[in-house]
Amino acid sequence: MHICMLNMEIAGYITALLIGLTLGLIGGGGSILTVPILVYLFGIPPVLATSYSLFIVGVTSLVGSVAGFADKKIDVRVVVVFGTLSVVTVFVSAIT
């Protein structure tokens, strides 16, 4: 691997870690910042980076919600309603 590519990859990991910690502390979503890291620091094409971003943020959210679910702090009914409406919205916007 070329030294410049290795430096960009290391910068990508450090940046991703800092963004994850910062947004985790303030409760913000990281998807908007994950895409530029994947594109500019890891060299992933933008369309693929968007898909990766959705996967990364989704898995991170799932892992973070396990403790809340175990402590019964999550209202499953609200999750189902919100999730269903979100999925329908994605499909409708993808069709148009």
PDB file of N, CA and C in Angstrom:
ATOM      1  N   MET A   1       0.842  -1.167   0.000  1.00  0.00           N
ATOM      2  CA  MET A   1       0.000   0.000   0.000  1.00  0.00           C
ATOM      3  C   MET A   1       0.896   1.241   0.000  1.00  0.00           C
ATOM      4  N   HIS A   2       0.549   2.185  -0.772  1.00  0.00           N
ATOM      5  CA  HIS A   2       1.295   3.438  -0.875  1.00  0.00           C
ATOM      6  C   HIS A   2       1.207   4.209   0.446  1.00  0.00           C
ATOM      7  N   ILE A   3       2.279   4.901   0.840  1.00  0.00           N
ATOM      8  CA  ILE A   3       2.336   5.591   2.127  1.00  0.00           C
ATOM      9  C   ILE A   3       1.262   6.673   2.248  1.00  0.00           C
ATOM     10  N   CYS A   4       0.951   7.362   1.151  1.00  0.00           N
ATOM     11  CA  CYS A   4      -0.077   8.412   1.178  1.00  0.00           C
ATOM     12  C   CYS A   4      -1.453   7.794   1.452  1.00  0.00           C
ATOM     13  N   MET A   5      -1.742   6.656   0.822  1.00  0.00           N
ATOM     14  CA  MET A   5      -3.014   5.970   1.048  1.00  0.00           C
ATOM     15  C   MET A   5      -3.122   5.497   2.497  1.00  0.00           C
ATOM     16  N   LEU A   6      -2.013   5.027   3.054  1.00  0.00           N
ATOM     17  CA  LEU A   6      -2.012   4.563   4.431  1.00  0.00           C
ATOM     18  C   LEU A   6      -2.290   5.723   5.386  1.00  0.00           C
ATOM     19  N   ASN A   7      -1.679   6.884   5.117  1.00  0.00           N
ATOM     20  CA  ASN A   7      -1.921   8.063   5.949  1.00  0.00           C
ATOM     21  C   ASN A   7      -3.379   8.506   5.870  1.00  0.00           C
ATOM     22  N   MET A   8      -3.982   8.459   4.685  1.00  0.00           N
ATOM     23  CA  MET A   8      -5.385   8.835   4.534  1.00  0.00           C
ATOM     24  C   MET A   8      -6.283   7.862   5.295  1.00  0.00           C
ATOM     25  N   GLU A   9      -5.936   6.596   5.254  1.00  0.00           N
ATOM     26  CA  GLU A   9      -6.739   5.599   5.948  1.00  0.00           C
ATOM     27  C   GLU A   9      -6.649   5.805   7.462  1.00  0.00           C
ATOM     28  N   ILE A  10      -5.455   6.062   7.961  1.00  0.00           N
ATOM     29  CA  ILE A  10      -5.286   6.325   9.395  1.00  0.00           C
ATOM     30  C   ILE A  10      -6.064   7.582   9.782  1.00  0.00           C
ATOM     31  N   ALA A  11      -5.975   8.632   8.956  1.00  0.00           N
ATOM     32  CA  ALA A  11      -6.731   9.859   9.217  1.00  0.00           C
ATOM     33  C   ALA A  11      -8.233   9.574   9.214  1.00  0.00           C
ATOM     34  N   GLY A  12      -8.673   8.693   8.333  1.00  0.00           N
ATOM     35  CA  GLY A  12     -10.086   8.319   8.281  1.00  0.00           C
ATOM     36  C   GLY A  12     -10.548   7.638   9.553  1.00  0.00           C
ATOM     37  N   TYR A  13      -9.749   6.717  10.064  1.00  0.00           N
ATOM     38  CA  TYR A  13     -10.111   6.023  11.304  1.00  0.00           C
ATOM     39  C   TYR A  13     -10.133   6.982  12.491  1.00  0.00           C
ATOM     40  N   ILE A  14      -9.145   7.854  12.564  1.00  0.00           N
ATOM     41  CA  ILE A  14      -9.091   8.818  13.670  1.00  0.00           C
ATOM     42  C   ILE A  14     -10.276   9.773  13.591  1.00  0.00           C
ATOM     43  N   THR A  15     -10.568  10.281  12.402  1.00  0.00           N
ATOM     44  CA  THR A  15     -11.695  11.194  12.216  1.00  0.00           C
ATOM     45  C   THR A  15     -13.015  10.512  12.547  1.00  0.00           C
ATOM     46  N   ALA A  16     -13.187   9.289  12.090  1.00  0.00           N
ATOM     47  CA  ALA A  16     -14.422   8.545  12.379  1.00  0.00           C
ATOM     48  C   ALA A  16     -14.590   8.339  13.883  1.00  0.00           C
ATOM     49  N   LEU A  17     -13.511   8.031  14.566  1.00  0.00           N
ATOM     50  CA  LEU A  17     -13.570   7.841  16.011  1.00  0.00           C
ATOM     51  C   LEU A  17     -13.960   9.144  16.715  1.00  0.00           C
ATOM     52  N   LEU A  18     -13.337  10.246  16.319  1.00  0.00           N
ATOM     53  CA  LEU A  18     -13.660  11.538  16.935  1.00  0.00           C
ATOM     54  C   LEU A  18     -15.109  11.950  16.675  1.00  0.00           C
ATOM     55  N   ILE A  19     -15.579  11.746  15.458  1.00  0.00           N
ATOM     56  CA  ILE A  19     -16.967  12.076  15.143  1.00  0.00           C
ATOM     57  C   ILE A  19     -17.919  11.187  15.931  1.00  0.00           C
ATOM     58  N   GLY A  20     -17.610   9.910  16.012  1.00  0.00           N
ATOM     59  CA  GLY A  20     -18.449   8.989  16.774  1.00  0.00           C
ATOM     60  C   GLY A  20     -18.544   9.362  18.240  1.00  0.00           C
ATOM     61  N   LEU A  21     -17.402   9.706  18.832  1.00  0.00           N
ATOM     62  CA  LEU A  21     -17.403  10.098  20.239  1.00  0.00           C
ATOM     63  C   LEU A  21     -18.164  11.405  20.452  1.00  0.00           C
ATOM     64  N   THR A  22     -17.904  12.372  19.605  1.00  0.00           N
ATOM     65  CA  THR A  22     -18.555  13.674  19.751  1.00  0.00           C
ATOM     66  C   THR A  22     -20.067  13.568  19.571  1.00  0.00           C
ATOM     67  N   LEU A  23     -20.497  12.925  18.500  1.00  0.00           N
ATOM     68  CA  LEU A  23     -21.937  12.829  18.251  1.00  0.00           C
ATOM     69  C   LEU A  23     -22.617  11.906  19.250  1.00  0.00           C
ATOM     70  N   GLY A  24     -21.888  10.922  19.760  1.00  0.00           N
ATOM     71  CA  GLY A  24     -22.446  10.059  20.796  1.00  0.00           C
ATOM     72  C   GLY A  24     -22.700  10.821  22.086  1.00  0.00           C
ATOM     73  N   LEU A  25     -21.813  11.754  22.392  1.00  0.00           N
ATOM     74  CA  LEU A  25     -21.968  12.543  23.613  1.00  0.00           C
ATOM     75  C   LEU A  25     -23.090  13.558  23.508  1.00  0.00           C
ATOM     76  N   ILE A  26     -23.286  14.146  22.322  1.00  0.00           N
ATOM     77  CA  ILE A  26     -24.327  15.168  22.182  1.00  0.00           C
ATOM     78  C   ILE A  26     -25.625  14.617  21.605  1.00  0.00           C
ATOM     79  N   GLY A  27     -25.617  13.364  21.206  1.00  0.00           N
ATOM     80  CA  GLY A  27     -26.847  12.732  20.733  1.00  0.00           C
ATOM     81  C   GLY A  27     -27.193  13.024  19.289  1.00  0.00           C
ATOM     82  N   GLY A  28     -26.243  13.473  18.510  1.00  0.00           N
ATOM     83  CA  GLY A  28     -26.505  13.771  17.095  1.00  0.00           C
ATOM     84  C   GLY A  28     -26.346  12.540  16.222  1.00  0.00           C
ATOM     85  N   GLY A  29     -26.832  12.646  14.998  1.00  0.00           N
ATOM     86  CA  GLY A  29     -26.681  11.559  14.037  1.00  0.00           C
ATOM     87  C   GLY A  29     -25.379  11.702  13.266  1.00  0.00           C
ATOM     88  N   GLY A  30     -24.738  10.594  12.971  1.00  0.00           N
ATOM     89  CA  GLY A  30     -23.435  10.652  12.324  1.00  0.00           C
ATOM     90  C   GLY A  30     -23.449  10.406  10.838  1.00  0.00           C
ATOM     91  N   SER A  31     -24.605  10.131  10.275  1.00  0.00           N
ATOM     92  CA  SER A  31     -24.672   9.777   8.867  1.00  0.00           C
ATOM     93  C   SER A  31     -24.208  10.904   7.955  1.00  0.00           C
ATOM     94  N   ILE A  32     -24.528  12.139   8.326  1.00  0.00           N
ATOM     95  CA  ILE A  32     -24.173  13.278   7.486  1.00  0.00           C
ATOM     96  C   ILE A  32     -22.661  13.483   7.444  1.00  0.00           C
ATOM     97  N   LEU A  33     -21.955  13.056   8.465  1.00  0.00           N
ATOM     98  CA  LEU A  33     -20.504  13.193   8.497  1.00  0.00           C
ATOM     99  C   LEU A  33     -19.773  11.918   8.090  1.00  0.00           C
ATOM    100  N   THR A  34     -20.470  10.801   8.114  1.00  0.00           N
ATOM    101  CA  THR A  34     -19.851   9.537   7.738  1.00  0.00           C
ATOM    102  C   THR A  34     -19.563   9.481   6.244  1.00  0.00           C
ATOM    103  N   VAL A  35     -20.455   9.991   5.434  1.00  0.00           N
ATOM    104  CA  VAL A  35     -20.276   9.938   3.978  1.00  0.00           C
ATOM    105  C   VAL A  35     -19.010  10.669   3.530  1.00  0.00           C
ATOM    106  N   PRO A  36     -18.769  11.911   3.968  1.00  0.00           N
ATOM    107  CA  PRO A  36     -17.527  12.569   3.543  1.00  0.00           C
ATOM    108  C   PRO A  36     -16.258  11.837   3.994  1.00  0.00           C
ATOM    109  N   ILE A  37     -16.295  11.243   5.178  1.00  0.00           N
ATOM    110  CA  ILE A  37     -15.123  10.475   5.635  1.00  0.00           C
ATOM    111  C   ILE A  37     -14.885   9.299   4.704  1.00  0.00           C
ATOM    112  N   LEU A  38     -15.956   8.581   4.372  1.00  0.00           N
ATOM    113  CA  LEU A  38     -15.803   7.420   3.494  1.00  0.00           C
ATOM    114  C   LEU A  38     -15.347   7.822   2.098  1.00  0.00           C
ATOM    115  N   VAL A  39     -15.852   8.938   1.591  1.00  0.00           N
ATOM    116  CA  VAL A  39     -15.516   9.377   0.233  1.00  0.00           C
ATOM    117  C   VAL A  39     -14.112   9.959   0.169  1.00  0.00           C
ATOM    118  N   TYR A  40     -13.821  10.938   1.022  1.00  0.00           N
ATOM    119  CA  TYR A  40     -12.577  11.693   0.889  1.00  0.00           C
ATOM    120  C   TYR A  40     -11.374  11.045   1.569  1.00  0.00           C
ATOM    121  N   LEU A  41     -11.598  10.343   2.668  1.00  0.00           N
ATOM    122  CA  LEU A  41     -10.462   9.753   3.374  1.00  0.00           C
ATOM    123  C   LEU A  41     -10.242   8.278   3.043  1.00  0.00           C
ATOM    124  N   PHE A  42     -11.317   7.566   2.701  1.00  0.00           N
ATOM    125  CA  PHE A  42     -11.175   6.159   2.350  1.00  0.00           C
ATOM    126  C   PHE A  42     -11.277   5.904   0.850  1.00  0.00           C
ATOM    127  N   GLY A  43     -11.687   6.921   0.081  1.00  0.00           N
ATOM    128  CA  GLY A  43     -11.737   6.787  -1.372  1.00  0.00           C
ATOM    129  C   GLY A  43     -12.864   5.915  -1.899  1.00  0.00           C
ATOM    130  N   ILE A  44     -13.948   5.796  -1.150  1.00  0.00           N
ATOM    131  CA  ILE A  44     -15.096   4.986  -1.574  1.00  0.00           C
ATOM    132  C   ILE A  44     -15.995   5.862  -2.441  1.00  0.00           C
ATOM    133  N   PRO A  45     -16.532   5.331  -3.538  1.00  0.00           N
ATOM    134  CA  PRO A  45     -17.432   6.115  -4.394  1.00  0.00           C
ATOM    135  C   PRO A  45     -18.653   6.620  -3.597  1.00  0.00           C
ATOM    136  N   PRO A  46     -19.152   7.818  -3.916  1.00  0.00           N
ATOM    137  CA  PRO A  46     -20.233   8.432  -3.128  1.00  0.00           C
ATOM    138  C   PRO A  46     -21.494   7.588  -2.964  1.00  0.00           C
ATOM    139  N   VAL A  47     -21.938   6.927  -4.023  1.00  0.00           N
ATOM    140  CA  VAL A  47     -23.172   6.127  -3.913  1.00  0.00           C
ATOM    141  C   VAL A  47     -22.961   4.958  -2.953  1.00  0.00           C
ATOM    142  N   LEU A  48     -21.823   4.306  -3.070  1.00  0.00           N
ATOM    143  CA  LEU A  48     -21.514   3.192  -2.172  1.00  0.00           C
ATOM    144  C   LEU A  48     -21.294   3.698  -0.750  1.00  0.00           C
ATOM    145  N   ALA A  49     -20.676   4.871  -0.608  1.00  0.00           N
ATOM    146  CA  ALA A  49     -20.442   5.448   0.716  1.00  0.00           C
ATOM    147  C   ALA A  49     -21.762   5.755   1.417  1.00  0.00           C
ATOM    148  N   THR A  50     -22.770   6.163   0.658  1.00  0.00           N
ATOM    149  CA  THR A  50     -24.083   6.427   1.243  1.00  0.00           C
ATOM    150  C   THR A  50     -24.685   5.146   1.814  1.00  0.00           C
ATOM    151  N   SER A  51     -24.565   4.061   1.072  1.00  0.00           N
ATOM    152  CA  SER A  51     -25.072   2.772   1.560  1.00  0.00           C
ATOM    153  C   SER A  51     -24.291   2.314   2.788  1.00  0.00           C
ATOM    154  N   TYR A  52     -22.985   2.430   2.733  1.00  0.00           N
ATOM    155  CA  TYR A  52     -22.156   2.065   3.883  1.00  0.00           C
ATOM    156  C   TYR A  52     -22.527   2.903   5.098  1.00  0.00           C
ATOM    157  N   SER A  53     -22.768   4.195   4.882  1.00  0.00           N
ATOM    158  CA  SER A  53     -23.117   5.090   5.973  1.00  0.00           C
ATOM    159  C   SER A  53     -24.406   4.643   6.650  1.00  0.00           C
ATOM    160  N   LEU A  54     -25.401   4.292   5.855  1.00  0.00           N
ATOM    161  CA  LEU A  54     -26.662   3.810   6.424  1.00  0.00           C
ATOM    162  C   LEU A  54     -26.444   2.556   7.259  1.00  0.00           C
ATOM    163  N   PHE A  55     -25.607   1.653   6.759  1.00  0.00           N
ATOM    164  CA  PHE A  55     -25.312   0.422   7.490  1.00  0.00           C
ATOM    165  C   PHE A  55     -24.564   0.728   8.791  1.00  0.00           C
ATOM    166  N   ILE A  56     -23.540   1.569   8.713  1.00  0.00           N
ATOM    167  CA  ILE A  56     -22.721   1.896   9.883  1.00  0.00           C
ATOM    168  C   ILE A  56     -23.563   2.560  10.968  1.00  0.00           C
ATOM    169  N   VAL A  57     -24.330   3.562  10.594  1.00  0.00           N
ATOM    170  CA  VAL A  57     -25.143   4.284  11.573  1.00  0.00           C
ATOM    171  C   VAL A  57     -26.256   3.385  12.111  1.00  0.00           C
ATOM    172  N   GLY A  58     -26.840   2.558  11.255  1.00  0.00           N
ATOM    173  CA  GLY A  58     -27.890   1.639  11.705  1.00  0.00           C
ATOM    174  C   GLY A  58     -27.392   0.612  12.704  1.00  0.00           C
ATOM    175  N   VAL A  59     -26.253   0.020  12.427  1.00  0.00           N
ATOM    176  CA  VAL A  59     -25.690  -0.974  13.345  1.00  0.00           C
ATOM    177  C   VAL A  59     -25.279  -0.312  14.655  1.00  0.00           C
ATOM    178  N   THR A  60     -24.683   0.860  14.562  1.00  0.00           N
ATOM    179  CA  THR A  60     -24.290   1.579  15.774  1.00  0.00           C
ATOM    180  C   THR A  60     -25.511   1.917  16.629  1.00  0.00           C
ATOM    181  N   SER A  61     -26.578   2.354  16.000  1.00  0.00           N
ATOM    182  CA  SER A  61     -27.813   2.662  16.728  1.00  0.00           C
ATOM    183  C   SER A  61     -28.411   1.412  17.356  1.00  0.00           C
ATOM    184  N   LEU A  62     -28.381   0.320  16.626  1.00  0.00           N
ATOM    185  CA  LEU A  62     -28.904  -0.941  17.150  1.00  0.00           C
ATOM    186  C   LEU A  62     -28.131  -1.383  18.385  1.00  0.00           C
ATOM    187  N   VAL A  63     -26.815  -1.321  18.311  1.00  0.00           N
ATOM    188  CA  VAL A  63     -25.982  -1.710  19.445  1.00  0.00           C
ATOM    189  C   VAL A  63     -26.255  -0.786  20.638  1.00  0.00           C
ATOM    190  N   GLY A  64     -26.385   0.519  20.372  1.00  0.00           N
ATOM    191  CA  GLY A  64     -26.645   1.470  21.444  1.00  0.00           C
ATOM    192  C   GLY A  64     -28.008   1.303  22.082  1.00  0.00           C
ATOM    193  N   SER A  65     -28.963   0.759  21.363  1.00  0.00           N
ATOM    194  CA  SER A  65     -30.317   0.622  21.903  1.00  0.00           C
ATOM    195  C   SER A  65     -30.518  -0.656  22.715  1.00  0.00           C
ATOM    196  N   VAL A  66     -29.576  -1.569  22.673  1.00  0.00           N
ATOM    197  CA  VAL A  66     -29.732  -2.839  23.391  1.00  0.00           C
ATOM    198  C   VAL A  66     -29.898  -2.602  24.894  1.00  0.00           C
ATOM    199  N   ALA A  67     -29.075  -1.731  25.460  1.00  0.00           N
ATOM    200  CA  ALA A  67     -29.178  -1.455  26.898  1.00  0.00           C
ATOM    201  C   ALA A  67     -30.529  -0.829  27.239  1.00  0.00           C
ATOM    202  N   GLY A  68     -30.996   0.105  26.424  1.00  0.00           N
ATOM    203  CA  GLY A  68     -32.290   0.734  26.660  1.00  0.00           C
ATOM    204  C   GLY A  68     -33.437  -0.260  26.559  1.00  0.00           C
ATOM    205  N   PHE A  69     -33.319  -1.186  25.617  1.00  0.00           N
ATOM    206  CA  PHE A  69     -34.354  -2.213  25.464  1.00  0.00           C
ATOM    207  C   PHE A  69     -34.352  -3.149  26.666  1.00  0.00           C
ATOM    208  N   ALA A  70     -33.163  -3.525  27.137  1.00  0.00           N
ATOM    209  CA  ALA A  70     -33.054  -4.421  28.287  1.00  0.00           C
ATOM    210  C   ALA A  70     -33.611  -3.763  29.550  1.00  0.00           C
ATOM    211  N   ASP A  71     -33.463  -2.451  29.678  1.00  0.00           N
ATOM    212  CA  ASP A  71     -33.972  -1.730  30.837  1.00  0.00           C
ATOM    213  C   ASP A  71     -35.430  -1.305  30.673  1.00  0.00           C
ATOM    214  N   LYS A  72     -36.041  -1.727  29.593  1.00  0.00           N
ATOM    215  CA  LYS A  72     -37.443  -1.404  29.272  1.00  0.00           C
ATOM    216  C   LYS A  72     -37.676   0.108  29.182  1.00  0.00           C
ATOM    217  N   LYS A  73     -36.717   0.818  28.604  1.00  0.00           N
ATOM    218  CA  LYS A  73     -36.828   2.260  28.403  1.00  0.00           C
ATOM    219  C   LYS A  73     -37.289   2.599  26.991  1.00  0.00           C
ATOM    220  N   ILE A  74     -37.550   1.590  26.183  1.00  0.00           N
ATOM    221  CA  ILE A  74     -37.945   1.791  24.794  1.00  0.00           C
ATOM    222  C   ILE A  74     -39.401   1.386  24.631  1.00  0.00           C
ATOM    223  N   ASP A  75     -40.201   2.276  24.081  1.00  0.00           N
ATOM    224  CA  ASP A  75     -41.608   2.000  23.801  1.00  0.00           C
ATOM    225  C   ASP A  75     -41.691   1.327  22.432  1.00  0.00           C
ATOM    226  N   VAL A  76     -41.874   0.033  22.439  1.00  0.00           N
ATOM    227  CA  VAL A  76     -41.858  -0.760  21.212  1.00  0.00           C
ATOM    228  C   VAL A  76     -42.960  -0.322  20.258  1.00  0.00           C
ATOM    229  N   ARG A  77     -44.098   0.074  20.770  1.00  0.00           N
ATOM    230  CA  ARG A  77     -45.207   0.521  19.915  1.00  0.00           C
ATOM    231  C   ARG A  77     -44.806   1.755  19.109  1.00  0.00           C
ATOM    232  N   VAL A  78     -44.145   2.704  19.746  1.00  0.00           N
ATOM    233  CA  VAL A  78     -43.699   3.912  19.050  1.00  0.00           C
ATOM    234  C   VAL A  78     -42.637   3.550  18.004  1.00  0.00           C
ATOM    235  N   VAL A  79     -41.751   2.644  18.354  1.00  0.00           N
ATOM    236  CA  VAL A  79     -40.704   2.207  17.415  1.00  0.00           C
ATOM    237  C   VAL A  79     -41.329   1.586  16.169  1.00  0.00           C
ATOM    238  N   VAL A  80     -42.325   0.743  16.354  1.00  0.00           N
ATOM    239  CA  VAL A  80     -42.980   0.083  15.222  1.00  0.00           C
ATOM    240  C   VAL A  80     -43.688   1.104  14.335  1.00  0.00           C
ATOM    241  N   VAL A  81     -44.419   2.040  14.938  1.00  0.00           N
ATOM    242  CA  VAL A  81     -45.134   3.053  14.150  1.00  0.00           C
ATOM    243  C   VAL A  81     -44.138   3.933  13.394  1.00  0.00           C
ATOM    244  N   PHE A  82     -43.139   4.457  14.087  1.00  0.00           N
ATOM    245  CA  PHE A  82     -42.148   5.324  13.459  1.00  0.00           C
ATOM    246  C   PHE A  82     -41.365   4.568  12.375  1.00  0.00           C
ATOM    247  N   GLY A  83     -40.960   3.336  12.684  1.00  0.00           N
ATOM    248  CA  GLY A  83     -40.208   2.531  11.717  1.00  0.00           C
ATOM    249  C   GLY A  83     -41.018   2.220  10.469  1.00  0.00           C
ATOM    250  N   THR A  84     -42.283   1.879  10.645  1.00  0.00           N
ATOM    251  CA  THR A  84     -43.153   1.570   9.511  1.00  0.00           C
ATOM    252  C   THR A  84     -43.319   2.791   8.618  1.00  0.00           C
ATOM    253  N   LEU A  85     -43.590   3.943   9.228  1.00  0.00           N
ATOM    254  CA  LEU A  85     -43.741   5.169   8.440  1.00  0.00           C
ATOM    255  C   LEU A  85     -42.442   5.552   7.734  1.00  0.00           C
ATOM    256  N   SER A  86     -41.323   5.323   8.366  1.00  0.00           N
ATOM    257  CA  SER A  86     -40.027   5.623   7.749  1.00  0.00           C
ATOM    258  C   SER A  86     -39.775   4.740   6.536  1.00  0.00           C
ATOM    259  N   VAL A  87     -40.062   3.456   6.661  1.00  0.00           N
ATOM    260  CA  VAL A  87     -39.852   2.529   5.550  1.00  0.00           C
ATOM    261  C   VAL A  87     -40.765   2.869   4.379  1.00  0.00           C
ATOM    262  N   VAL A  88     -42.024   3.177   4.674  1.00  0.00           N
ATOM    263  CA  VAL A  88     -42.965   3.560   3.612  1.00  0.00           C
ATOM    264  C   VAL A  88     -42.478   4.830   2.910  1.00  0.00           C
ATOM    265  N   THR A  89     -42.011   5.805   3.679  1.00  0.00           N
ATOM    266  CA  THR A  89     -41.507   7.048   3.093  1.00  0.00           C
ATOM    267  C   THR A  89     -40.314   6.802   2.186  1.00  0.00           C
ATOM    268  N   VAL A  90     -39.418   5.930   2.598  1.00  0.00           N
ATOM    269  CA  VAL A  90     -38.245   5.608   1.766  1.00  0.00           C
ATOM    270  C   VAL A  90     -38.675   4.976   0.457  1.00  0.00           C
ATOM    271  N   PHE A  91     -39.606   4.043   0.506  1.00  0.00           N
ATOM    272  CA  PHE A  91     -40.064   3.402  -0.717  1.00  0.00           C
ATOM    273  C   PHE A  91     -40.791   4.384  -1.639  1.00  0.00           C
ATOM    274  N   VAL A  92     -41.621   5.252  -1.073  1.00  0.00           N
ATOM    275  CA  VAL A  92     -42.341   6.225  -1.876  1.00  0.00           C
ATOM    276  C   VAL A  92     -41.367   7.207  -2.529  1.00  0.00           C
ATOM    277  N   SER A  93     -40.377   7.664  -1.775  1.00  0.00           N
ATOM    278  CA  SER A  93     -39.415   8.611  -2.343  1.00  0.00           C
ATOM    279  C   SER A  93     -38.497   7.942  -3.366  1.00  0.00           C
ATOM    280  N   ALA A  94     -38.260   6.639  -3.223  1.00  0.00           N
ATOM    281  CA  ALA A  94     -37.417   5.927  -4.185  1.00  0.00           C
ATOM    282  C   ALA A  94     -38.155   5.719  -5.518  1.00  0.00           C
ATOM    283  N   ILE A  95     -39.461   5.597  -5.457  1.00  0.00           N
ATOM    284  CA  ILE A  95     -40.266   5.367  -6.658  1.00  0.00           C
ATOM    285  C   ILE A  95     -40.371   6.628  -7.478  1.00  0.00           C
ATOM    286  N   THR A  96     -40.497   7.774  -6.816  1.00  0.00           N
ATOM    287  CA  THR A  96     -40.710   9.036  -7.544  1.00  0.00           C
ATOM    288  C   THR A  96     -39.440   9.634  -8.052  1.00  0.00           C
TER     289      THR A  96
END
